[in-house]
Amino acid sequence: MGAAVAIGMADGDDPPTVDVPVTVDTPEAVVRFLAGWLVADGQLPAAELEPVVGRVLRREACGSTGIGRGLAVPHGYSDAIERVAFVAGRLAAPLDWSAIDGEPVRVVALVVGTGSGTPAALQALGEAVRRLRGGPSKG
């Protein structure tokens, strides 16, 4: 699925990062690729792949998670995990994600929280954005 450094966010280290192939060239394909990587890495049960992808895409349909400066943070949840699942994908080519600043996205961080909108999941989402933007960690 691509070269990645698997380091858990809860450990205070950088998030795992994977190179996304050039053939993965739509937001839906990127979400599917990254969710598949989470399954392969053992962060997400295989049975949760399609439900999580569906939740993430439904959330994306409500409004783009392209937050600007070349970054998108699609996110969803799973009741089947006990720890937030996270991976950042470096895109082989910039991709239109309808970002808030109108710029194409180069990095996509998929965050899958535990449960539906729990405070821990929302904190993990904020932490992921801070780390990807190079800001100080609060954890």
Protein backbone atom coordinates (compact mmCIF):
# COMPACT_ATOMS: atom_id res chain seq x y z
CA MET A 1 0.00 0.00 0.00
CA GLY A 2 3.00 2.33 -0.01
CA ALA A 3 5.93 3.07 2.24
CA ALA A 4 4.89 4.34 5.64
CA VAL A 5 6.33 5.04 9.03
CA ALA A 6 3.84 3.70 11.57
CA ILE A 7 4.10 5.82 14.69
CA GLY A 8 1.00 6.31 16.83
CA MET A 9 -0.25 9.83 17.56
CA ALA A 10 -0.99 8.92 21.15
CA ASP A 11 2.73 8.28 21.63
CA GLY A 12 3.45 11.96 21.02
CA ASP A 13 5.32 11.22 17.80
CA ASP A 14 4.59 12.33 14.28
CA PRO A 15 1.59 10.69 12.59
CA PRO A 16 2.18 7.79 10.19
CA THR A 17 2.67 9.02 6.63
CA VAL A 18 2.14 7.14 3.37
CA ASP A 19 2.76 8.07 -0.27
CA VAL A 20 -0.48 7.99 -2.27
CA PRO A 21 0.01 6.71 -5.85
CA VAL A 22 -0.73 9.01 -8.78
CA THR A 23 -3.53 6.66 -9.89
CA VAL A 24 -5.47 7.56 -6.73
CA ASP A 25 -6.82 10.78 -8.17
CA THR A 26 -10.20 11.65 -6.64
CA PRO A 27 -11.15 12.53 -3.06
CA GLU A 28 -13.19 9.32 -2.77
CA ALA A 29 -10.28 7.23 -4.06
CA VAL A 30 -7.91 8.91 -1.59
CA VAL A 31 -10.26 8.22 1.33
CA ARG A 32 -10.59 4.57 0.24
CA PHE A 33 -6.83 4.19 -0.18
CA LEU A 34 -6.04 5.69 3.23
CA ALA A 35 -8.78 3.70 4.98
CA GLY A 36 -7.37 0.56 3.35
CA TRP A 37 -3.97 1.50 4.72
CA LEU A 38 -5.47 1.80 8.22
CA VAL A 39 -6.88 -1.73 7.84
CA ALA A 40 -3.53 -3.09 6.58
CA ASP A 41 -1.76 -1.37 9.49
CA GLY A 42 -4.12 -2.95 12.03
CA GLN A 43 -5.60 0.37 13.18
CA LEU A 44 -9.04 -0.40 11.76
CA PRO A 45 -10.82 -3.80 11.54
CA ALA A 46 -11.41 -4.97 7.97
CA ALA A 47 -15.15 -5.21 8.62
CA GLU A 48 -15.16 -1.46 9.35
CA LEU A 49 -13.60 -0.42 6.02
CA GLU A 50 -16.81 0.23 4.08
CA PRO A 51 -18.81 1.67 7.01
CA VAL A 52 -15.98 4.12 7.81
CA VAL A 53 -15.49 5.10 4.16
CA GLY A 54 -19.24 5.72 3.92
CA ARG A 55 -19.26 7.92 7.04
CA VAL A 56 -16.24 9.90 5.87
CA LEU A 57 -17.75 10.48 2.41
CA ARG A 58 -21.11 11.50 3.90
CA ARG A 59 -19.30 14.01 6.11
CA GLU A 60 -17.38 15.29 3.07
CA ALA A 61 -20.68 15.75 1.19
CA CYS A 62 -21.79 18.17 3.93
CA GLY A 63 -18.82 20.43 3.25
CA SER A 64 -15.23 20.06 2.15
CA THR A 65 -12.63 19.16 4.75
CA GLY A 66 -10.01 20.97 2.66
CA ILE A 67 -8.85 23.40 5.35
CA GLY A 68 -6.38 25.35 3.24
CA ARG A 69 -2.63 25.51 2.69
CA GLY A 70 -2.73 22.23 0.74
CA LEU A 71 -4.28 20.17 3.54
CA ALA A 72 -7.52 18.18 3.80
CA VAL A 73 -8.63 16.35 6.95
CA PRO A 74 -11.49 13.99 6.10
CA HIS A 75 -12.79 12.30 9.22
CA GLY A 76 -15.32 9.86 10.57
CA TYR A 77 -15.76 7.46 13.43
CA SER A 78 -15.97 3.80 14.31
CA ASP A 79 -17.49 2.20 17.40
CA ALA A 80 -15.25 -0.83 16.73
CA ILE A 81 -11.97 0.85 17.70
CA GLU A 82 -10.67 1.91 21.09
CA ARG A 83 -7.97 4.29 19.86
CA VAL A 84 -8.10 7.00 17.23
CA ALA A 85 -6.86 5.74 13.84
CA PHE A 86 -4.85 8.19 11.77
CA VAL A 87 -2.72 8.33 8.65
CA ALA A 88 -1.45 11.22 6.54
CA GLY A 89 -1.15 10.68 2.81
CA ARG A 90 1.21 12.64 0.57
CA LEU A 91 -0.46 12.91 -2.84
CA ALA A 92 1.63 12.24 -5.94
CA ALA A 93 -0.13 15.14 -7.67
CA PRO A 94 -2.15 18.06 -6.28
CA LEU A 95 -5.88 17.36 -6.13
CA ASP A 96 -8.92 19.63 -6.14
CA TRP A 97 -10.66 19.10 -2.78
CA SER A 98 -12.82 22.26 -2.85
CA ALA A 99 -10.61 23.63 -0.10
CA ILE A 100 -11.57 26.79 1.73
CA ASP A 101 -8.72 28.74 0.10
CA GLY A 102 -9.39 27.31 -3.38
CA GLU A 103 -5.92 25.75 -3.54
CA PRO A 104 -5.37 22.11 -4.49
CA VAL A 105 -4.56 19.63 -1.74
CA ARG A 106 -1.18 17.90 -1.42
CA VAL A 107 -1.61 16.20 1.97
CA VAL A 108 -4.71 14.35 3.18
CA ALA A 109 -4.97 13.30 6.81
CA LEU A 110 -7.63 10.67 7.47
CA VAL A 111 -8.77 10.62 11.10
CA VAL A 112 -11.12 7.93 12.39
CA GLY A 113 -12.34 8.67 15.89
CA THR A 114 -13.75 6.36 18.51
CA GLY A 115 -17.52 6.64 18.68
CA SER A 116 -19.68 9.36 17.20
CA GLY A 117 -18.21 12.78 17.91
CA THR A 118 -16.71 11.97 21.31
CA PRO A 119 -14.54 14.66 22.90
CA ALA A 120 -11.46 12.42 22.50
CA ALA A 121 -12.12 12.09 18.77
CA LEU A 122 -12.53 15.84 18.35
CA GLN A 123 -9.34 16.47 20.33
CA ALA A 124 -7.49 13.98 18.12
CA LEU A 125 -8.74 15.78 15.01
CA GLY A 126 -7.44 19.09 16.33
CA GLU A 127 -4.13 17.52 17.30
CA ALA A 128 -3.74 16.01 13.82
CA VAL A 129 -4.23 19.42 12.21
CA ARG A 130 -1.74 21.08 14.59
CA ARG A 131 0.92 18.47 13.92
CA LEU A 132 0.48 18.56 10.15
CA ARG A 133 0.69 22.33 10.14
CA GLY A 134 3.83 22.22 12.27
CA GLY A 135 2.30 23.82 15.37
CA PRO A 136 2.96 22.89 18.98
CA SER A 137 1.32 19.79 20.37
CA LYS A 138 -1.09 20.17 23.27
CA GLY A 139 -0.69 16.61 24.42
